[in-house]
Amino acid sequence: MEVKANEFSNKDITVTYDPCKCVLSGICAKELSDVFSNSIIPWVNLDNTETKRIIEQVKRCPTGALNYFKNKRMQAS
């Protein structure tokens, strides 16, 4: 599976980032600094908090530069 530079995943979701839409307001880093950072690479670490909190923060992105989708779960045979 190809991993894109602007996609970040945990076991539940994948967050996508569109730098062309971002106005660098910093709301994501100010409100959820456990996940989004202005000074650390990679700047998104979805393992640092609950998925529910990440989704709530992504929905507050003022430009829509951040989006998410739920990952498909592998089913045991």
PDB file of N, CA and C in Angstrom:
ATOM      1  N   MET A   1       0.838  -1.183   0.000  1.00  0.00           N
ATOM      2  CA  MET A   1       0.000   0.000   0.000  1.00  0.00           C
ATOM      3  C   MET A   1       0.878   1.240   0.000  1.00  0.00           C
ATOM      4  N   GLU A   2       0.598   2.165  -0.877  1.00  0.00           N
ATOM      5  CA  GLU A   2       1.371   3.398  -0.979  1.00  0.00           C
ATOM      6  C   GLU A   2       0.950   4.375   0.114  1.00  0.00           C
ATOM      7  N   VAL A   3       1.937   4.967   0.785  1.00  0.00           N
ATOM      8  CA  VAL A   3       1.660   5.981   1.798  1.00  0.00           C
ATOM      9  C   VAL A   3       2.042   7.333   1.221  1.00  0.00           C
ATOM     10  N   LYS A   4       1.115   8.261   1.227  1.00  0.00           N
ATOM     11  CA  LYS A   4       1.365   9.585   0.685  1.00  0.00           C
ATOM     12  C   LYS A   4       1.900  10.497   1.776  1.00  0.00           C
ATOM     13  N   ALA A   5       2.693  11.480   1.417  1.00  0.00           N
ATOM     14  CA  ALA A   5       3.342  12.380   2.369  1.00  0.00           C
ATOM     15  C   ALA A   5       2.332  13.186   3.178  1.00  0.00           C
ATOM     16  N   ASN A   6       1.158  13.420   2.637  1.00  0.00           N
ATOM     17  CA  ASN A   6       0.160  14.223   3.324  1.00  0.00           C
ATOM     18  C   ASN A   6      -0.973  13.390   3.899  1.00  0.00           C
ATOM     19  N   GLU A   7      -0.684  12.131   4.213  1.00  0.00           N
ATOM     20  CA  GLU A   7      -1.642  11.243   4.863  1.00  0.00           C
ATOM     21  C   GLU A   7      -1.014  10.681   6.124  1.00  0.00           C
ATOM     22  N   PHE A   8      -1.812  10.671   7.186  1.00  0.00           N
ATOM     23  CA  PHE A   8      -1.345  10.200   8.485  1.00  0.00           C
ATOM     24  C   PHE A   8      -2.408   9.262   9.037  1.00  0.00           C
ATOM     25  N   SER A   9      -1.993   8.077   9.504  1.00  0.00           N
ATOM     26  CA  SER A   9      -2.974   7.077   9.917  1.00  0.00           C
ATOM     27  C   SER A   9      -2.707   6.541  11.307  1.00  0.00           C
ATOM     28  N   ASN A  10      -3.794   6.105  11.944  1.00  0.00           N
ATOM     29  CA  ASN A  10      -3.721   5.246  13.113  1.00  0.00           C
ATOM     30  C   ASN A  10      -4.571   4.021  12.777  1.00  0.00           C
ATOM     31  N   LYS A  11      -4.910   3.223  13.747  1.00  0.00           N
ATOM     32  CA  LYS A  11      -5.653   1.998  13.440  1.00  0.00           C
ATOM     33  C   LYS A  11      -7.079   2.276  12.985  1.00  0.00           C
ATOM     34  N   ASP A  12      -7.625   3.445  13.301  1.00  0.00           N
ATOM     35  CA  ASP A  12      -9.020   3.750  13.022  1.00  0.00           C
ATOM     36  C   ASP A  12      -9.253   4.657  11.817  1.00  0.00           C
ATOM     37  N   ILE A  13      -8.424   5.691  11.677  1.00  0.00           N
ATOM     38  CA  ILE A  13      -8.663   6.700  10.640  1.00  0.00           C
ATOM     39  C   ILE A  13      -7.381   7.087   9.918  1.00  0.00           C
ATOM     40  N   THR A  14      -7.566   7.751   8.790  1.00  0.00           N
ATOM     41  CA  THR A  14      -6.467   8.401   8.076  1.00  0.00           C
ATOM     42  C   THR A  14      -6.837   9.866   7.930  1.00  0.00           C
ATOM     43  N   VAL A  15      -5.927  10.744   8.331  1.00  0.00           N
ATOM     44  CA  VAL A  15      -6.108  12.184   8.186  1.00  0.00           C
ATOM     45  C   VAL A  15      -5.328  12.627   6.962  1.00  0.00           C
ATOM     46  N   THR A  16      -5.978  13.410   6.114  1.00  0.00           N
ATOM     47  CA  THR A  16      -5.316  13.945   4.932  1.00  0.00           C
ATOM     48  C   THR A  16      -5.127  15.449   5.108  1.00  0.00           C
ATOM     49  N   TYR A  17      -4.068  15.942   4.511  1.00  0.00           N
ATOM     50  CA  TYR A  17      -3.715  17.365   4.620  1.00  0.00           C
ATOM     51  C   TYR A  17      -3.478  17.925   3.229  1.00  0.00           C
ATOM     52  N   ASP A  18      -4.178  19.005   2.898  1.00  0.00           N
ATOM     53  CA  ASP A  18      -4.011  19.681   1.616  1.00  0.00           C
ATOM     54  C   ASP A  18      -3.313  21.021   1.856  1.00  0.00           C
ATOM     55  N   PRO A  19      -2.003  21.101   1.620  1.00  0.00           N
ATOM     56  CA  PRO A  19      -1.262  22.336   1.899  1.00  0.00           C
ATOM     57  C   PRO A  19      -1.727  23.521   1.058  1.00  0.00           C
ATOM     58  N   CYS A  20      -2.362  23.269  -0.073  1.00  0.00           N
ATOM     59  CA  CYS A  20      -2.856  24.368  -0.915  1.00  0.00           C
ATOM     60  C   CYS A  20      -4.034  25.091  -0.274  1.00  0.00           C
ATOM     61  N   LYS A  21      -4.762  24.415   0.608  1.00  0.00           N
ATOM     62  CA  LYS A  21      -5.909  25.028   1.284  1.00  0.00           C
ATOM     63  C   LYS A  21      -5.529  25.651   2.624  1.00  0.00           C
ATOM     64  N   CYS A  22      -4.431  25.208   3.221  1.00  0.00           N
ATOM     65  CA  CYS A  22      -4.053  25.635   4.570  1.00  0.00           C
ATOM     66  C   CYS A  22      -3.599  27.090   4.590  1.00  0.00           C
ATOM     67  N   VAL A  23      -4.113  27.855   5.556  1.00  0.00           N
ATOM     68  CA  VAL A  23      -3.690  29.242   5.737  1.00  0.00           C
ATOM     69  C   VAL A  23      -2.802  29.373   6.975  1.00  0.00           C
ATOM     70  N   LEU A  24      -2.382  28.251   7.520  1.00  0.00           N
ATOM     71  CA  LEU A  24      -1.474  28.202   8.665  1.00  0.00           C
ATOM     72  C   LEU A  24      -1.997  28.988   9.870  1.00  0.00           C
ATOM     73  N   SER A  25      -3.276  28.841  10.134  1.00  0.00           N
ATOM     74  CA  SER A  25      -3.874  29.513  11.296  1.00  0.00           C
ATOM     75  C   SER A  25      -3.363  28.911  12.598  1.00  0.00           C
ATOM     76  N   GLY A  26      -2.949  27.657  12.557  1.00  0.00           N
ATOM     77  CA  GLY A  26      -2.412  27.008  13.749  1.00  0.00           C
ATOM     78  C   GLY A  26      -3.466  26.515  14.724  1.00  0.00           C
ATOM     79  N   ILE A  27      -4.733  26.574  14.336  1.00  0.00           N
ATOM     80  CA  ILE A  27      -5.798  26.128  15.230  1.00  0.00           C
ATOM     81  C   ILE A  27      -5.598  24.674  15.631  1.00  0.00           C
ATOM     82  N   CYS A  28      -5.203  23.836  14.707  1.00  0.00           N
ATOM     83  CA  CYS A  28      -5.026  22.415  15.023  1.00  0.00           C
ATOM     84  C   CYS A  28      -3.949  22.235  16.100  1.00  0.00           C
ATOM     85  N   ALA A  29      -2.824  22.910  15.956  1.00  0.00           N
ATOM     86  CA  ALA A  29      -1.735  22.776  16.928  1.00  0.00           C
ATOM     87  C   ALA A  29      -2.063  23.442  18.260  1.00  0.00           C
ATOM     88  N   LYS A  30      -2.792  24.530  18.237  1.00  0.00           N
ATOM     89  CA  LYS A  30      -3.163  25.215  19.480  1.00  0.00           C
ATOM     90  C   LYS A  30      -4.166  24.406  20.281  1.00  0.00           C
ATOM     91  N   GLU A  31      -5.136  23.808  19.600  1.00  0.00           N
ATOM     92  CA  GLU A  31      -6.222  23.127  20.294  1.00  0.00           C
ATOM     93  C   GLU A  31      -5.950  21.652  20.564  1.00  0.00           C
ATOM     94  N   LEU A  32      -5.068  21.014  19.797  1.00  0.00           N
ATOM     95  CA  LEU A  32      -4.762  19.593  20.014  1.00  0.00           C
ATOM     96  C   LEU A  32      -3.270  19.359  19.770  1.00  0.00           C
ATOM     97  N   SER A  33      -2.457  19.963  20.629  1.00  0.00           N
ATOM     98  CA  SER A  33      -1.002  19.914  20.457  1.00  0.00           C
ATOM     99  C   SER A  33      -0.423  18.522  20.681  1.00  0.00           C
ATOM    100  N   ASP A  34      -1.182  17.611  21.282  1.00  0.00           N
ATOM    101  CA  ASP A  34      -0.709  16.234  21.426  1.00  0.00           C
ATOM    102  C   ASP A  34      -0.606  15.536  20.072  1.00  0.00           C
ATOM    103  N   VAL A  35      -1.357  16.013  19.100  1.00  0.00           N
ATOM    104  CA  VAL A  35      -1.415  15.380  17.784  1.00  0.00           C
ATOM    105  C   VAL A  35      -0.764  16.236  16.703  1.00  0.00           C
ATOM    106  N   PHE A  36      -1.068  17.528  16.697  1.00  0.00           N
ATOM    107  CA  PHE A  36      -0.583  18.433  15.660  1.00  0.00           C
ATOM    108  C   PHE A  36       0.505  19.338  16.234  1.00  0.00           C
ATOM    109  N   SER A  37       1.605  19.477  15.494  1.00  0.00           N
ATOM    110  CA  SER A  37       2.736  20.257  15.985  1.00  0.00           C
ATOM    111  C   SER A  37       3.215  21.244  14.934  1.00  0.00           C
ATOM    112  N   ASN A  38       3.695  22.380  15.398  1.00  0.00           N
ATOM    113  CA  ASN A  38       4.308  23.355  14.495  1.00  0.00           C
ATOM    114  C   ASN A  38       5.817  23.172  14.397  1.00  0.00           C
ATOM    115  N   SER A  39       6.393  22.322  15.263  1.00  0.00           N
ATOM    116  CA  SER A  39       7.856  22.275  15.333  1.00  0.00           C
ATOM    117  C   SER A  39       8.464  20.875  15.262  1.00  0.00           C
ATOM    118  N   ILE A  40       7.666  19.841  15.159  1.00  0.00           N
ATOM    119  CA  ILE A  40       8.187  18.467  15.139  1.00  0.00           C
ATOM    120  C   ILE A  40       7.826  17.815  13.810  1.00  0.00           C
ATOM    121  N   ILE A  41       8.741  17.038  13.273  1.00  0.00           N
ATOM    122  CA  ILE A  41       8.490  16.278  12.051  1.00  0.00           C
ATOM    123  C   ILE A  41       8.473  14.801  12.433  1.00  0.00           C
ATOM    124  N   PRO A  42       7.489  13.999  12.094  1.00  0.00           N
ATOM    125  CA  PRO A  42       6.291  14.409  11.375  1.00  0.00           C
ATOM    126  C   PRO A  42       5.401  15.264  12.264  1.00  0.00           C
ATOM    127  N   TRP A  43       4.724  16.217  11.666  1.00  0.00           N
ATOM    128  CA  TRP A  43       3.953  17.190  12.437  1.00  0.00           C
ATOM    129  C   TRP A  43       2.582  16.677  12.867  1.00  0.00           C
ATOM    130  N   VAL A  44       2.207  15.485  12.402  1.00  0.00           N
ATOM    131  CA  VAL A  44       0.959  14.859  12.818  1.00  0.00           C
ATOM    132  C   VAL A  44       1.278  13.485  13.393  1.00  0.00           C
ATOM    133  N   ASN A  45       0.830  13.236  14.627  1.00  0.00           N
ATOM    134  CA  ASN A  45       1.015  11.930  15.260  1.00  0.00           C
ATOM    135  C   ASN A  45      -0.327  11.495  15.832  1.00  0.00           C
ATOM    136  N   LEU A  46      -1.047  10.672  15.087  1.00  0.00           N
ATOM    137  CA  LEU A  46      -2.393  10.268  15.475  1.00  0.00           C
ATOM    138  C   LEU A  46      -2.419   9.285  16.638  1.00  0.00           C
ATOM    139  N   ASP A  47      -1.281   8.794  17.060  1.00  0.00           N
ATOM    140  CA  ASP A  47      -1.240   7.842  18.171  1.00  0.00           C
ATOM    141  C   ASP A  47      -1.224   8.515  19.532  1.00  0.00           C
ATOM    142  N   ASN A  48      -1.210   9.838  19.570  1.00  0.00           N
ATOM    143  CA  ASN A  48      -1.071  10.552  20.841  1.00  0.00           C
ATOM    144  C   ASN A  48      -2.378  10.863  21.559  1.00  0.00           C
ATOM    145  N   THR A  49      -3.522  10.526  20.975  1.00  0.00           N
ATOM    146  CA  THR A  49      -4.806  10.748  21.658  1.00  0.00           C
ATOM    147  C   THR A  49      -5.876   9.866  21.023  1.00  0.00           C
ATOM    148  N   GLU A  50      -7.076   9.959  21.544  1.00  0.00           N
ATOM    149  CA  GLU A  50      -8.182   9.143  21.068  1.00  0.00           C
ATOM    150  C   GLU A  50      -8.641   9.623  19.692  1.00  0.00           C
ATOM    151  N   THR A  51      -9.066   8.694  18.868  1.00  0.00           N
ATOM    152  CA  THR A  51      -9.536   9.003  17.520  1.00  0.00           C
ATOM    153  C   THR A  51     -10.682  10.003  17.547  1.00  0.00           C
ATOM    154  N   LYS A  52     -11.581   9.881  18.495  1.00  0.00           N
ATOM    155  CA  LYS A  52     -12.731  10.792  18.594  1.00  0.00           C
ATOM    156  C   LYS A  52     -12.273  12.245  18.709  1.00  0.00           C
ATOM    157  N   ARG A  53     -11.249  12.510  19.513  1.00  0.00           N
ATOM    158  CA  ARG A  53     -10.733  13.872  19.674  1.00  0.00           C
ATOM    159  C   ARG A  53     -10.107  14.378  18.374  1.00  0.00           C
ATOM    160  N   ILE A  54      -9.432  13.505  17.655  1.00  0.00           N
ATOM    161  CA  ILE A  54      -8.810  13.889  16.385  1.00  0.00           C
ATOM    162  C   ILE A  54      -9.884  14.284  15.377  1.00  0.00           C
ATOM    163  N   ILE A  55     -10.923  13.478  15.277  1.00  0.00           N
ATOM    164  CA  ILE A  55     -12.020  13.771  14.351  1.00  0.00           C
ATOM    165  C   ILE A  55     -12.652  15.118  14.683  1.00  0.00           C
ATOM    166  N   GLU A  56     -12.903  15.359  15.959  1.00  0.00           N
ATOM    167  CA  GLU A  56     -13.489  16.635  16.376  1.00  0.00           C
ATOM    168  C   GLU A  56     -12.609  17.810  15.961  1.00  0.00           C
ATOM    169  N   GLN A  57     -11.278  17.656  16.110  1.00  0.00           N
ATOM    170  CA  GLN A  57     -10.362  18.737  15.740  1.00  0.00           C
ATOM    171  C   GLN A  57     -10.311  18.936  14.235  1.00  0.00           C
ATOM    172  N   VAL A  58     -10.253  17.864  13.474  1.00  0.00           N
ATOM    173  CA  VAL A  58     -10.229  17.959  12.014  1.00  0.00           C
ATOM    174  C   VAL A  58     -11.466  18.701  11.517  1.00  0.00           C
ATOM    175  N   LYS A  59     -12.601  18.439  12.119  1.00  0.00           N
ATOM    176  CA  LYS A  59     -13.844  19.115  11.714  1.00  0.00           C
ATOM    177  C   LYS A  59     -13.803  20.614  12.000  1.00  0.00           C
ATOM    178  N   ARG A  60     -12.925  21.053  12.900  1.00  0.00           N
ATOM    179  CA  ARG A  60     -12.801  22.485  13.213  1.00  0.00           C
ATOM    180  C   ARG A  60     -11.802  23.212  12.324  1.00  0.00           C
ATOM    181  N   CYS A  61     -11.155  22.518  11.411  1.00  0.00           N
ATOM    182  CA  CYS A  61     -10.205  23.166  10.499  1.00  0.00           C
ATOM    183  C   CYS A  61     -10.954  24.221   9.683  1.00  0.00           C
ATOM    184  N   PRO A  62     -10.550  25.488   9.769  1.00  0.00           N
ATOM    185  CA  PRO A  62     -11.322  26.555   9.133  1.00  0.00           C
ATOM    186  C   PRO A  62     -11.301  26.550   7.604  1.00  0.00           C
ATOM    187  N   THR A  63     -10.324  25.905   7.004  1.00  0.00           N
ATOM    188  CA  THR A  63     -10.209  25.934   5.543  1.00  0.00           C
ATOM    189  C   THR A  63     -10.553  24.611   4.875  1.00  0.00           C
ATOM    190  N   GLY A  64     -10.687  23.555   5.654  1.00  0.00           N
ATOM    191  CA  GLY A  64     -10.905  22.237   5.065  1.00  0.00           C
ATOM    192  C   GLY A  64      -9.624  21.591   4.594  1.00  0.00           C
ATOM    193  N   ALA A  65      -8.478  22.122   5.017  1.00  0.00           N
ATOM    194  CA  ALA A  65      -7.192  21.536   4.632  1.00  0.00           C
ATOM    195  C   ALA A  65      -6.999  20.164   5.264  1.00  0.00           C
ATOM    196  N   LEU A  66      -7.614  19.951   6.426  1.00  0.00           N
ATOM    197  CA  LEU A  66      -7.573  18.655   7.091  1.00  0.00           C
ATOM    198  C   LEU A  66      -8.892  17.932   6.861  1.00  0.00           C
ATOM    199  N   ASN A  67      -8.809  16.684   6.496  1.00  0.00           N
ATOM    200  CA  ASN A  67      -9.972  15.820   6.345  1.00  0.00           C
ATOM    201  C   ASN A  67      -9.612  14.461   6.910  1.00  0.00           C
ATOM    202  N   TYR A  68     -10.599  13.599   7.042  1.00  0.00           N
ATOM    203  CA  TYR A  68     -10.315  12.246   7.525  1.00  0.00           C
ATOM    204  C   TYR A  68     -11.264  11.259   6.875  1.00  0.00           C
ATOM    205  N   PHE A  69     -10.846  10.012   6.880  1.00  0.00           N
ATOM    206  CA  PHE A  69     -11.746   8.924   6.511  1.00  0.00           C
ATOM    207  C   PHE A  69     -11.431   7.742   7.398  1.00  0.00           C
ATOM    208  N   LYS A  70     -12.445   6.911   7.613  1.00  0.00           N
ATOM    209  CA  LYS A  70     -12.276   5.732   8.455  1.00  0.00           C
ATOM    210  C   LYS A  70     -11.564   4.653   7.644  1.00  0.00           C
ATOM    211  N   ASN A  71     -10.625   3.980   8.301  1.00  0.00           N
ATOM    212  CA  ASN A  71      -9.892   2.898   7.654  1.00  0.00           C
ATOM    213  C   ASN A  71     -10.764   1.657   7.587  1.00  0.00           C
ATOM    214  N   LYS A  72     -10.597   0.892   6.545  1.00  0.00           N
ATOM    215  CA  LYS A  72     -11.306  -0.382   6.440  1.00  0.00           C
ATOM    216  C   LYS A  72     -10.648  -1.375   7.379  1.00  0.00           C
ATOM    217  N   ARG A  73     -11.452  -2.092   8.072  1.00  0.00           N
ATOM    218  CA  ARG A  73     -10.943  -3.109   9.009  1.00  0.00           C
ATOM    219  C   ARG A  73     -10.743  -4.413   8.254  1.00  0.00           C
ATOM    220  N   MET A  74      -9.645  -5.072   8.559  1.00  0.00           N
ATOM    221  CA  MET A  74      -9.374  -6.392   7.989  1.00  0.00           C
ATOM    222  C   MET A  74     -10.258  -7.392   8.728  1.00  0.00           C
ATOM    223  N   GLN A  75     -10.986  -8.210   8.001  1.00  0.00           N
ATOM    224  CA  GLN A  75     -11.840  -9.205   8.631  1.00  0.00           C
ATOM    225  C   GLN A  75     -11.121 -10.528   8.663  1.00  0.00           C
ATOM    226  N   ALA A  76     -11.188 -11.187   9.822  1.00  0.00           N
ATOM    227  CA  ALA A  76     -10.557 -12.503   9.965  1.00  0.00           C
ATOM    228  C   ALA A  76     -11.353 -13.538   9.198  1.00  0.00           C
ATOM    229  N   SER A  77     -10.650 -14.474   8.571  1.00  0.00           N
ATOM    230  CA  SER A  77     -11.363 -15.519   7.839  1.00  0.00           C
ATOM    231  C   SER A  77     -11.520 -16.754   8.672  1.00  0.00           C
TER     232      SER A  77
END
